[in-house]
C-alpha atoms as a PDB file:
ATOM      1  CA  UNK A   1     -51.527  60.130  61.387  1.00  0.00           C
ATOM      2  CA  UNK A   2     -53.625  57.498  63.091  1.00  0.00           C
ATOM      3  CA  UNK A   3     -53.360  53.851  62.164  1.00  0.00           C
ATOM      4  CA  UNK A   4     -56.364  52.415  60.342  1.00  0.00           C
ATOM      5  CA  UNK A   5     -57.019  48.725  59.796  1.00  0.00           C
ATOM      6  CA  UNK A   6     -56.250  47.794  56.191  1.00  0.00           C
ATOM      7  CA  UNK A   7     -58.958  46.786  53.785  1.00  0.00           C
ATOM      8  CA  UNK A   8     -59.486  43.088  53.142  1.00  0.00           C
ATOM      9  CA  UNK A   9     -56.811  42.331  50.552  1.00  0.00           C
ATOM     10  CA  UNK A  10     -54.390  39.509  50.080  1.00  0.00           C
ATOM     11  CA  UNK A  11     -52.627  38.003  53.086  1.00  0.00           C
ATOM     12  CA  UNK A  12     -49.225  39.446  52.141  1.00  0.00           C
ATOM     13  CA  UNK A  13     -50.523  43.028  52.049  1.00  0.00           C
ATOM     14  CA  UNK A  14     -52.388  42.488  55.294  1.00  0.00           C
ATOM     15  CA  UNK A  15     -49.299  41.071  56.982  1.00  0.00           C
ATOM     16  CA  UNK A  16     -47.109  43.894  55.670  1.00  0.00           C
ATOM     17  CA  UNK A  17     -49.586  46.501  56.932  1.00  0.00           C
ATOM     18  CA  UNK A  18     -49.898  44.830  60.313  1.00  0.00           C
ATOM     19  CA  UNK A  19     -46.116  44.641  60.753  1.00  0.00           C
ATOM     20  CA  UNK A  20     -45.622  48.349  60.302  1.00  0.00           C
ATOM     21  CA  UNK A  21     -42.278  50.043  59.848  1.00  0.00           C
ATOM     22  CA  UNK A  22     -39.335  48.504  61.673  1.00  0.00           C
ATOM     23  CA  UNK A  23     -41.123  45.310  62.696  1.00  0.00           C
ATOM     24  CA  UNK A  24     -39.481  41.913  62.471  1.00  0.00           C
ATOM     25  CA  UNK A  25     -40.044  40.243  59.142  1.00  0.00           C
ATOM     26  CA  UNK A  26     -38.988  36.608  59.429  1.00  0.00           C
ATOM     27  CA  UNK A  27     -40.769  34.350  56.968  1.00  0.00           C
ATOM     28  CA  UNK A  28     -41.723  30.716  57.494  1.00  0.00           C
ATOM     29  CA  UNK A  29     -38.632  29.260  55.806  1.00  0.00           C
ATOM     30  CA  UNK A  30     -36.333  31.361  57.954  1.00  0.00           C
ATOM     31  CA  UNK A  31     -38.292  30.359  61.047  1.00  0.00           C
ATOM     32  CA  UNK A  32     -37.892  26.686  60.122  1.00  0.00           C
ATOM     33  CA  UNK A  33     -34.124  27.145  59.697  1.00  0.00           C
ATOM     34  CA  UNK A  34     -33.922  28.795  63.119  1.00  0.00           C
ATOM     35  CA  UNK A  35     -35.988  26.014  64.702  1.00  0.00           C
ATOM     36  CA  UNK A  36     -33.764  23.360  63.099  1.00  0.00           C
ATOM     37  CA  UNK A  37     -30.592  25.058  64.341  1.00  0.00           C
ATOM     38  CA  UNK A  38     -32.012  25.362  67.855  1.00  0.00           C
ATOM     39  CA  UNK A  39     -33.080  21.693  67.842  1.00  0.00           C
ATOM     40  CA  UNK A  40     -29.644  20.667  66.540  1.00  0.00           C
ATOM     41  CA  UNK A  41     -28.021  22.691  69.314  1.00  0.00           C
ATOM     42  CA  UNK A  42     -30.102  20.986  71.988  1.00  0.00           C
ATOM     43  CA  UNK A  43     -29.364  17.571  70.463  1.00  0.00           C
ATOM     44  CA  UNK A  44     -25.627  18.279  70.370  1.00  0.00           C
ATOM     45  CA  UNK A  45     -25.676  19.249  74.043  1.00  0.00           C
ATOM     46  CA  UNK A  46     -27.619  16.130  75.055  1.00  0.00           C
ATOM     47  CA  UNK A  47     -25.729  13.663  72.837  1.00  0.00           C
ATOM     48  CA  UNK A  48     -22.686  13.340  75.169  1.00  0.00           C
ATOM     49  CA  UNK A  49     -25.064  12.148  77.875  1.00  0.00           C
ATOM     50  CA  UNK A  50     -26.275   9.298  75.692  1.00  0.00           C
ATOM     51  CA  UNK A  51     -22.894   8.384  74.227  1.00  0.00           C
ATOM     52  CA  UNK A  52     -20.464   8.759  77.122  1.00  0.00           C
ATOM     53  CA  UNK A  53     -22.560   9.335  80.246  1.00  0.00           C
ATOM     54  CA  UNK A  54     -20.743  12.695  80.463  1.00  0.00           C
ATOM     55  CA  UNK A  55     -23.088  14.593  82.754  1.00  0.00           C
ATOM     56  CA  UNK A  56     -20.459  17.265  83.356  1.00  0.00           C
ATOM     57  CA  UNK A  57     -20.903  18.459  79.789  1.00  0.00           C
ATOM     58  CA  UNK A  58     -24.217  20.009  80.864  1.00  0.00           C
ATOM     59  CA  UNK A  59     -22.215  22.639  82.763  1.00  0.00           C
ATOM     60  CA  UNK A  60     -21.585  24.236  79.367  1.00  0.00           C
ATOM     61  CA  UNK A  61     -25.259  25.248  79.378  1.00  0.00           C
ATOM     62  CA  UNK A  62     -24.782  27.378  82.484  1.00  0.00           C
ATOM     63  CA  UNK A  63     -23.497  30.489  80.668  1.00  0.00           C
ATOM     64  CA  UNK A  64     -26.224  30.153  78.053  1.00  0.00           C
ATOM     65  CA  UNK A  65     -28.863  30.100  80.772  1.00  0.00           C
ATOM     66  CA  UNK A  66     -27.306  33.047  82.623  1.00  0.00           C
ATOM     67  CA  UNK A  67     -26.765  35.322  79.614  1.00  0.00           C
ATOM     68  CA  UNK A  68     -30.231  36.986  79.778  1.00  0.00           C
ATOM     69  CA  UNK A  69     -29.968  37.737  83.522  1.00  0.00           C
ATOM     70  CA  UNK A  70     -28.252  41.172  83.214  1.00  0.00           C
ATOM     71  CA  UNK A  71     -31.136  42.438  81.080  1.00  0.00           C
ATOM     72  CA  UNK A  72     -33.440  41.903  84.054  1.00  0.00           C
ATOM     73  CA  UNK A  73     -31.448  44.448  86.043  1.00  0.00           C
ATOM     74  CA  UNK A  74     -30.841  46.960  83.268  1.00  0.00           C
ATOM     75  CA  UNK A  75     -33.863  49.179  83.005  1.00  0.00           C
ATOM     76  CA  UNK A  76     -33.656  52.881  82.349  1.00  0.00           C
ATOM     77  CA  UNK A  77     -34.510  54.739  85.527  1.00  0.00           C
ATOM     78  CA  UNK A  78     -35.860  58.234  85.115  1.00  0.00           C
ATOM     79  CA  UNK A  79     -33.530  60.800  86.590  1.00  0.00           C
ATOM     80  CA  UNK A  80     -30.651  58.377  87.134  1.00  0.00           C
ATOM     81  CA  UNK A  81     -28.273  60.668  85.253  1.00  0.00           C
ATOM     82  CA  UNK A  82     -26.577  57.910  83.279  1.00  0.00           C
ATOM     83  CA  UNK A  83     -26.156  57.598  79.554  1.00  0.00           C
ATOM     84  CA  UNK A  84     -28.185  54.545  78.423  1.00  0.00           C
ATOM     85  CA  UNK A  85     -26.174  54.175  75.215  1.00  0.00           C
ATOM     86  CA  UNK A  86     -22.889  54.028  77.130  1.00  0.00           C
ATOM     87  CA  UNK A  87     -24.370  51.597  79.659  1.00  0.00           C
ATOM     88  CA  UNK A  88     -25.526  49.430  76.779  1.00  0.00           C
ATOM     89  CA  UNK A  89     -21.990  49.278  75.425  1.00  0.00           C
ATOM     90  CA  UNK A  90     -20.638  48.192  78.808  1.00  0.00           C
ATOM     91  CA  UNK A  91     -23.318  45.535  79.228  1.00  0.00           C
ATOM     92  CA  UNK A  92     -22.659  44.282  75.695  1.00  0.00           C
ATOM     93  CA  UNK A  93     -18.957  43.927  76.526  1.00  0.00           C
ATOM     94  CA  UNK A  94     -19.777  42.069  79.725  1.00  0.00           C
ATOM     95  CA  UNK A  95     -22.265  39.715  78.106  1.00  0.00           C
ATOM     96  CA  UNK A  96     -19.918  38.963  75.199  1.00  0.00           C
ATOM     97  CA  UNK A  97     -16.953  38.197  77.437  1.00  0.00           C
ATOM     98  CA  UNK A  98     -19.045  36.165  79.886  1.00  0.00           C
ATOM     99  CA  UNK A  99     -20.662  34.159  77.092  1.00  0.00           C
ATOM    100  CA  UNK A 100     -17.450  33.545  75.178  1.00  0.00           C
ATOM    101  CA  UNK A 101     -15.455  32.525  78.231  1.00  0.00           C
ATOM    102  CA  UNK A 102     -18.231  30.262  79.463  1.00  0.00           C
ATOM    103  CA  UNK A 103     -19.068  28.667  76.123  1.00  0.00           C
ATOM    104  CA  UNK A 104     -15.424  27.945  75.299  1.00  0.00           C
ATOM    105  CA  UNK A 105     -13.834  27.902  78.734  1.00  0.00           C
ATOM    106  CA  UNK A 106     -16.073  25.565  80.714  1.00  0.00           C
ATOM    107  CA  UNK A 107     -15.956  22.629  78.253  1.00  0.00           C
ATOM    108  CA  UNK A 108     -12.218  23.119  77.718  1.00  0.00           C
ATOM    109  CA  UNK A 109     -11.480  23.057  81.453  1.00  0.00           C
ATOM    110  CA  UNK A 110     -13.700  19.996  81.878  1.00  0.00           C
ATOM    111  CA  UNK A 111     -11.783  18.260  79.099  1.00  0.00           C
ATOM    112  CA  UNK A 112      -8.390  19.239  80.574  1.00  0.00           C
ATOM    113  CA  UNK A 113      -9.268  17.767  83.990  1.00  0.00           C
ATOM    114  CA  UNK A 114     -10.535  14.600  82.244  1.00  0.00           C
ATOM    115  CA  UNK A 115     -14.124  15.095  83.388  1.00  0.00           C
ATOM    116  CA  UNK A 116     -15.420  14.760  79.810  1.00  0.00           C
ATOM    117  CA  UNK A 117     -13.956  13.000  76.759  1.00  0.00           C
ATOM    118  CA  UNK A 118     -12.871  14.757  73.573  1.00  0.00           C
ATOM    119  CA  UNK A 119     -16.104  13.757  71.812  1.00  0.00           C
ATOM    120  CA  UNK A 120     -18.177  15.563  74.476  1.00  0.00           C
ATOM    121  CA  UNK A 121     -15.960  18.646  74.100  1.00  0.00           C
ATOM    122  CA  UNK A 122     -16.443  18.717  70.335  1.00  0.00           C
ATOM    123  CA  UNK A 123     -20.186  18.116  70.619  1.00  0.00           C
ATOM    124  CA  UNK A 124     -20.437  20.965  73.127  1.00  0.00           C
ATOM    125  CA  UNK A 125     -18.603  23.284  70.732  1.00  0.00           C
ATOM    126  CA  UNK A 126     -20.924  22.128  67.932  1.00  0.00           C
ATOM    127  CA  UNK A 127     -24.010  22.872  70.031  1.00  0.00           C
ATOM    128  CA  UNK A 128     -22.689  26.323  70.881  1.00  0.00           C
ATOM    129  CA  UNK A 129     -21.832  26.932  67.230  1.00  0.00           C
ATOM    130  CA  UNK A 130     -25.322  25.960  66.078  1.00  0.00           C
ATOM    131  CA  UNK A 131     -26.906  28.228  68.686  1.00  0.00           C
ATOM    132  CA  UNK A 132     -24.652  31.167  67.798  1.00  0.00           C
ATOM    133  CA  UNK A 133     -25.325  30.596  64.085  1.00  0.00           C
ATOM    134  CA  UNK A 134     -29.078  30.714  64.767  1.00  0.00           C
ATOM    135  CA  UNK A 135     -28.659  33.937  66.752  1.00  0.00           C
ATOM    136  CA  UNK A 136     -26.547  35.486  63.992  1.00  0.00           C
ATOM    137  CA  UNK A 137     -28.996  34.509  61.258  1.00  0.00           C
ATOM    138  CA  UNK A 138     -31.931  35.853  63.266  1.00  0.00           C
ATOM    139  CA  UNK A 139     -30.116  39.150  63.787  1.00  0.00           C
ATOM    140  CA  UNK A 140     -29.176  39.376  60.109  1.00  0.00           C
ATOM    141  CA  UNK A 141     -32.699  38.596  58.909  1.00  0.00           C
ATOM    142  CA  UNK A 142     -34.395  41.049  61.271  1.00  0.00           C
ATOM    143  CA  UNK A 143     -31.975  43.895  60.531  1.00  0.00           C
ATOM    144  CA  UNK A 144     -31.974  43.266  56.773  1.00  0.00           C
ATOM    145  CA  UNK A 145     -34.806  45.719  56.116  1.00  0.00           C
ATOM    146  CA  UNK A 146     -33.503  48.444  58.424  1.00  0.00           C
ATOM    147  CA  UNK A 147     -31.640  51.375  56.892  1.00  0.00           C
ATOM    148  CA  UNK A 148     -28.905  51.708  59.498  1.00  0.00           C
ATOM    149  CA  UNK A 149     -27.572  54.986  58.124  1.00  0.00           C
ATOM    150  CA  UNK A 150     -30.790  56.944  58.561  1.00  0.00           C
ATOM    151  CA  UNK A 151     -31.856  56.198  62.140  1.00  0.00           C
ATOM    152  CA  UNK A 152     -29.717  53.399  63.590  1.00  0.00           C
ATOM    153  CA  UNK A 153     -30.351  49.668  63.830  1.00  0.00           C
ATOM    154  CA  UNK A 154     -32.357  49.557  67.069  1.00  0.00           C
ATOM    155  CA  UNK A 155     -35.182  52.004  66.490  1.00  0.00           C
END
């Protein structure tokens, strides 16, 4: 069945028709919450610079900047003979361990060697927490409409 443009009705029906099945449905309030959490995360990472001149605390951003890099190299190649679902599990394990060790480990090591004060450590953990909360809320809100028992969450 071919897609036809909807008739001129209310904006909500037009938006629902344009989204189609399985599309992301994040409303304006949810988008504002995500933007606030992201802004709070950035502020919590920059605050140690203003308060303590703790430039080393910016090293905690390194794992967050490097997390998307493996996705650049993971592309299904035709005829490669590998199971993409199994590869996805392995990459998910790698990304989770790399992110967790970097987000928690780098600020903790910097604190232990007295490169940053305790306040910078706590602010770094707060920035990471706000960013992870935003990511979790975004995932929850986008997968809320998906029936995961019929066809899986990522279809």
